[in-house]
């Protein structure tokens, strides 16, 4: 198990274990579909699942990805979306 997942600061940063799990899952799906990481361009094919999980945790800790829950309050049928840091997405 990755030690960072045991850290309460990571859990509290996202807003709880459920939200952390949802964010990790959404980001892993994006990386598996070929999305690039804002950290150093990682996320390409050939990366192991454990490596991708480590990248996702680093992205969360560095505030590069987060859950957008504001939309859910406006529309009860809306889900929770993952958002990449705008500094990264503006460059691509």
N, C-alpha and C. Protein backbone atom coordinates (compact mmCIF):
# COMPACT_ATOMS: atom_id res chain seq x y z
N UNK A 1 0.85 -1.19 0.00
CA UNK A 1 0.00 0.00 0.00
C UNK A 1 0.89 1.24 0.00
N UNK A 2 0.47 2.25 -0.70
CA UNK A 2 1.22 3.49 -0.75
C UNK A 2 1.00 4.25 0.56
N UNK A 3 2.10 4.62 1.19
CA UNK A 3 2.05 5.23 2.53
C UNK A 3 1.25 6.53 2.55
N UNK A 4 1.28 7.31 1.47
CA UNK A 4 0.56 8.58 1.43
C UNK A 4 -0.94 8.40 1.62
N UNK A 5 -1.47 7.23 1.24
CA UNK A 5 -2.90 6.98 1.38
C UNK A 5 -3.32 6.86 2.85
N UNK A 6 -2.36 6.60 3.72
CA UNK A 6 -2.65 6.51 5.15
C UNK A 6 -2.62 7.87 5.82
N UNK A 7 -2.11 8.87 5.14
CA UNK A 7 -1.93 10.20 5.72
C UNK A 7 -3.27 10.95 5.78
N UNK A 8 -3.66 11.34 6.98
CA UNK A 8 -4.93 12.04 7.17
C UNK A 8 -4.96 13.39 6.45
N UNK A 9 -3.79 14.02 6.26
CA UNK A 9 -3.77 15.31 5.56
C UNK A 9 -4.27 15.16 4.13
N UNK A 10 -3.90 14.06 3.47
CA UNK A 10 -4.38 13.81 2.11
C UNK A 10 -5.89 13.60 2.10
N UNK A 11 -6.38 12.84 3.04
CA UNK A 11 -7.81 12.56 3.14
C UNK A 11 -8.58 13.84 3.42
N UNK A 12 -8.09 14.64 4.36
CA UNK A 12 -8.76 15.89 4.71
C UNK A 12 -8.66 16.93 3.60
N UNK A 13 -7.58 16.91 2.85
CA UNK A 13 -7.39 17.87 1.75
C UNK A 13 -8.51 17.75 0.71
N UNK A 14 -8.92 16.52 0.45
CA UNK A 14 -9.95 16.26 -0.56
C UNK A 14 -11.35 16.36 0.04
N UNK A 15 -11.47 16.13 1.34
CA UNK A 15 -12.78 16.23 1.97
C UNK A 15 -13.32 14.91 2.48
N UNK A 16 -12.47 13.92 2.59
CA UNK A 16 -12.89 12.64 3.13
C UNK A 16 -12.44 11.47 2.27
N UNK A 17 -12.58 10.29 2.82
CA UNK A 17 -12.13 9.08 2.13
C UNK A 17 -12.93 8.80 0.85
N UNK A 18 -14.23 9.02 0.88
CA UNK A 18 -15.04 8.76 -0.29
C UNK A 18 -14.65 9.68 -1.44
N UNK A 19 -14.50 10.96 -1.15
CA UNK A 19 -14.11 11.91 -2.19
C UNK A 19 -12.70 11.63 -2.71
N UNK A 20 -11.81 11.23 -1.82
CA UNK A 20 -10.45 10.86 -2.24
C UNK A 20 -10.50 9.67 -3.18
N UNK A 21 -11.30 8.67 -2.82
CA UNK A 21 -11.44 7.49 -3.67
C UNK A 21 -12.02 7.86 -5.03
N UNK A 22 -13.04 8.70 -5.05
CA UNK A 22 -13.66 9.11 -6.31
C UNK A 22 -12.66 9.87 -7.18
N UNK A 23 -11.91 10.78 -6.58
CA UNK A 23 -10.93 11.55 -7.34
C UNK A 23 -9.83 10.66 -7.91
N UNK A 24 -9.32 9.75 -7.10
CA UNK A 24 -8.28 8.84 -7.56
C UNK A 24 -8.80 7.99 -8.72
N UNK A 25 -10.01 7.46 -8.60
CA UNK A 25 -10.57 6.63 -9.66
C UNK A 25 -10.76 7.41 -10.95
N UNK A 26 -11.32 8.61 -10.85
CA UNK A 26 -11.54 9.43 -12.05
C UNK A 26 -10.22 9.79 -12.73
N UNK A 27 -9.22 10.13 -11.92
CA UNK A 27 -7.93 10.51 -12.49
C UNK A 27 -7.22 9.33 -13.11
N UNK A 28 -7.31 8.15 -12.48
CA UNK A 28 -6.70 6.95 -13.06
C UNK A 28 -7.34 6.59 -14.39
N UNK A 29 -8.66 6.74 -14.48
CA UNK A 29 -9.34 6.49 -15.76
C UNK A 29 -8.80 7.44 -16.82
N UNK A 30 -8.64 8.71 -16.47
CA UNK A 30 -8.12 9.69 -17.43
C UNK A 30 -6.70 9.34 -17.86
N UNK A 31 -5.85 8.95 -16.91
CA UNK A 31 -4.48 8.57 -17.26
C UNK A 31 -4.46 7.32 -18.13
N UNK A 32 -5.33 6.36 -17.82
CA UNK A 32 -5.39 5.13 -18.62
C UNK A 32 -5.87 5.39 -20.04
N UNK A 33 -6.64 6.46 -20.22
CA UNK A 33 -7.11 6.83 -21.56
C UNK A 33 -6.09 7.68 -22.31
N UNK A 34 -4.93 7.95 -21.67
CA UNK A 34 -3.87 8.68 -22.36
C UNK A 34 -3.67 10.12 -21.94
N UNK A 35 -4.40 10.56 -20.94
CA UNK A 35 -4.23 11.93 -20.45
C UNK A 35 -2.82 12.12 -19.92
N UNK A 36 -2.29 13.30 -20.11
CA UNK A 36 -0.96 13.62 -19.60
C UNK A 36 -1.07 14.17 -18.19
N UNK A 37 0.00 14.00 -17.44
CA UNK A 37 0.05 14.54 -16.09
C UNK A 37 0.67 15.93 -16.10
N UNK A 38 0.13 16.85 -15.32
CA UNK A 38 0.72 18.17 -15.24
C UNK A 38 2.05 18.19 -14.51
N UNK A 39 2.45 17.08 -13.90
CA UNK A 39 3.69 17.06 -13.14
C UNK A 39 4.91 17.11 -14.06
N UNK A 40 4.98 16.19 -15.01
CA UNK A 40 6.15 16.17 -15.89
C UNK A 40 5.84 15.49 -17.22
N UNK A 41 4.58 15.50 -17.61
CA UNK A 41 4.21 14.88 -18.88
C UNK A 41 4.05 13.38 -18.78
N UNK A 42 4.01 12.83 -17.56
CA UNK A 42 3.84 11.39 -17.41
C UNK A 42 2.39 11.01 -17.66
N UNK A 43 2.15 9.74 -17.75
CA UNK A 43 0.80 9.24 -17.96
C UNK A 43 0.67 8.51 -19.27
N UNK A 44 1.75 8.32 -19.92
CA UNK A 44 1.75 7.61 -21.19
C UNK A 44 1.63 6.11 -20.97
N UNK A 45 1.40 5.39 -22.06
CA UNK A 45 1.34 3.93 -21.98
C UNK A 45 2.67 3.39 -21.49
N UNK A 46 2.63 2.24 -20.90
CA UNK A 46 3.84 1.61 -20.40
C UNK A 46 4.07 1.87 -18.92
N UNK A 47 3.28 2.72 -18.34
CA UNK A 47 3.39 3.00 -16.92
C UNK A 47 2.58 1.96 -16.16
N UNK A 48 3.13 1.45 -15.07
CA UNK A 48 2.38 0.46 -14.30
C UNK A 48 1.27 1.15 -13.51
N UNK A 49 0.31 0.36 -13.07
CA UNK A 49 -0.81 0.91 -12.29
C UNK A 49 -0.32 1.55 -11.01
N UNK A 50 0.66 0.93 -10.37
CA UNK A 50 1.20 1.49 -9.13
C UNK A 50 1.87 2.83 -9.40
N UNK A 51 2.59 2.96 -10.51
CA UNK A 51 3.22 4.23 -10.87
C UNK A 51 2.16 5.30 -11.11
N UNK A 52 1.08 4.94 -11.79
CA UNK A 52 0.01 5.90 -12.06
C UNK A 52 -0.66 6.35 -10.77
N UNK A 53 -0.85 5.43 -9.84
CA UNK A 53 -1.44 5.79 -8.56
C UNK A 53 -0.53 6.78 -7.82
N UNK A 54 0.76 6.56 -7.88
CA UNK A 54 1.71 7.47 -7.27
C UNK A 54 1.65 8.86 -7.90
N UNK A 55 1.50 8.91 -9.22
CA UNK A 55 1.38 10.18 -9.93
C UNK A 55 0.11 10.91 -9.49
N UNK A 56 -0.99 10.18 -9.39
CA UNK A 56 -2.27 10.78 -8.97
C UNK A 56 -2.14 11.37 -7.56
N UNK A 57 -1.52 10.64 -6.66
CA UNK A 57 -1.36 11.13 -5.29
C UNK A 57 -0.51 12.40 -5.28
N UNK A 58 0.56 12.43 -6.06
CA UNK A 58 1.39 13.63 -6.15
C UNK A 58 0.60 14.81 -6.71
N UNK A 59 -0.23 14.54 -7.73
CA UNK A 59 -1.06 15.60 -8.32
C UNK A 59 -2.01 16.19 -7.27
N UNK A 60 -2.60 15.32 -6.46
CA UNK A 60 -3.52 15.79 -5.42
C UNK A 60 -2.77 16.61 -4.38
N UNK A 61 -1.64 16.11 -3.94
CA UNK A 61 -0.86 16.82 -2.93
C UNK A 61 -0.38 18.19 -3.42
N UNK A 62 -0.13 18.31 -4.72
CA UNK A 62 0.34 19.57 -5.29
C UNK A 62 -0.81 20.42 -5.83
N UNK A 63 -2.03 20.04 -5.53
CA UNK A 63 -3.23 20.79 -5.97
C UNK A 63 -3.34 20.90 -7.48
N UNK A 64 -2.90 19.88 -8.19
CA UNK A 64 -3.01 19.87 -9.66
C UNK A 64 -4.35 19.32 -10.11
N UNK A 65 -4.99 18.49 -9.31
CA UNK A 65 -6.33 17.98 -9.60
C UNK A 65 -7.17 18.10 -8.33
N UNK A 66 -8.46 18.30 -8.52
CA UNK A 66 -9.38 18.36 -7.39
C UNK A 66 -10.77 18.04 -7.87
N UNK A 67 -11.67 17.77 -6.93
CA UNK A 67 -13.06 17.49 -7.27
C UNK A 67 -13.84 18.79 -7.32
N UNK A 68 -14.67 18.93 -8.32
CA UNK A 68 -15.54 20.09 -8.44
C UNK A 68 -16.92 19.67 -7.97
N UNK A 69 -17.24 20.01 -6.73
CA UNK A 69 -18.53 19.61 -6.16
C UNK A 69 -19.54 20.74 -6.20
N UNK A 70 -19.16 21.93 -6.63
CA UNK A 70 -20.07 23.07 -6.68
C UNK A 70 -21.22 22.81 -7.66
N UNK A 71 -20.94 22.15 -8.76
CA UNK A 71 -21.96 21.86 -9.77
C UNK A 71 -23.05 20.98 -9.19
N UNK A 72 -22.70 20.09 -8.30
CA UNK A 72 -23.69 19.18 -7.72
C UNK A 72 -24.74 19.93 -6.92
N UNK A 73 -24.33 21.00 -6.27
CA UNK A 73 -25.29 21.77 -5.48
C UNK A 73 -26.26 22.53 -6.36
N UNK A 74 -25.85 22.86 -7.58
CA UNK A 74 -26.73 23.58 -8.50
C UNK A 74 -27.70 22.63 -9.20
N UNK A 75 -27.27 21.41 -9.41
CA UNK A 75 -28.09 20.45 -10.15
C UNK A 75 -27.96 19.09 -9.46
N UNK A 76 -28.97 18.69 -8.74
CA UNK A 76 -28.89 17.47 -7.95
C UNK A 76 -28.59 16.23 -8.78
N UNK A 77 -28.92 16.21 -10.05
CA UNK A 77 -28.66 15.03 -10.86
C UNK A 77 -27.23 15.00 -11.39
N UNK A 78 -26.49 16.08 -11.22
CA UNK A 78 -25.12 16.14 -11.72
C UNK A 78 -24.20 15.33 -10.82
N UNK A 79 -23.16 14.76 -11.43
CA UNK A 79 -22.17 14.01 -10.67
C UNK A 79 -21.05 14.93 -10.22
N UNK A 80 -20.04 14.34 -9.67
CA UNK A 80 -18.86 15.08 -9.23
C UNK A 80 -17.83 15.00 -10.33
N UNK A 81 -17.29 16.14 -10.72
CA UNK A 81 -16.30 16.18 -11.79
C UNK A 81 -14.91 16.38 -11.24
N UNK A 82 -13.94 15.84 -11.97
CA UNK A 82 -12.55 16.05 -11.66
C UNK A 82 -12.07 17.24 -12.50
N UNK A 83 -11.26 18.09 -11.92
CA UNK A 83 -10.77 19.25 -12.63
C UNK A 83 -9.26 19.26 -12.56
N UNK A 84 -8.62 19.50 -13.72
CA UNK A 84 -7.18 19.67 -13.75
C UNK A 84 -6.85 21.12 -13.47
N UNK A 85 -5.70 21.37 -12.91
CA UNK A 85 -5.22 22.72 -12.65
C UNK A 85 -5.25 23.52 -13.94
N UNK A 86 -5.84 24.71 -13.92
CA UNK A 86 -6.00 25.51 -15.14
C UNK A 86 -4.66 25.92 -15.73
N UNK A 87 -3.64 26.07 -14.91
CA UNK A 87 -2.32 26.43 -15.44
C UNK A 87 -1.84 25.37 -16.41
N UNK A 88 -2.11 24.11 -16.10
CA UNK A 88 -1.69 23.01 -16.97
C UNK A 88 -2.55 22.95 -18.22
N UNK A 89 -3.86 23.05 -18.06
CA UNK A 89 -4.74 22.87 -19.21
C UNK A 89 -4.67 24.04 -20.16
N UNK A 90 -4.34 25.24 -19.70
CA UNK A 90 -4.22 26.39 -20.58
C UNK A 90 -3.08 26.24 -21.57
N UNK A 91 -2.06 25.45 -21.21
CA UNK A 91 -0.90 25.27 -22.07
C UNK A 91 -1.10 24.17 -23.09
N UNK A 92 -2.19 23.40 -23.03
CA UNK A 92 -2.38 22.27 -23.95
C UNK A 92 -3.67 22.36 -24.68
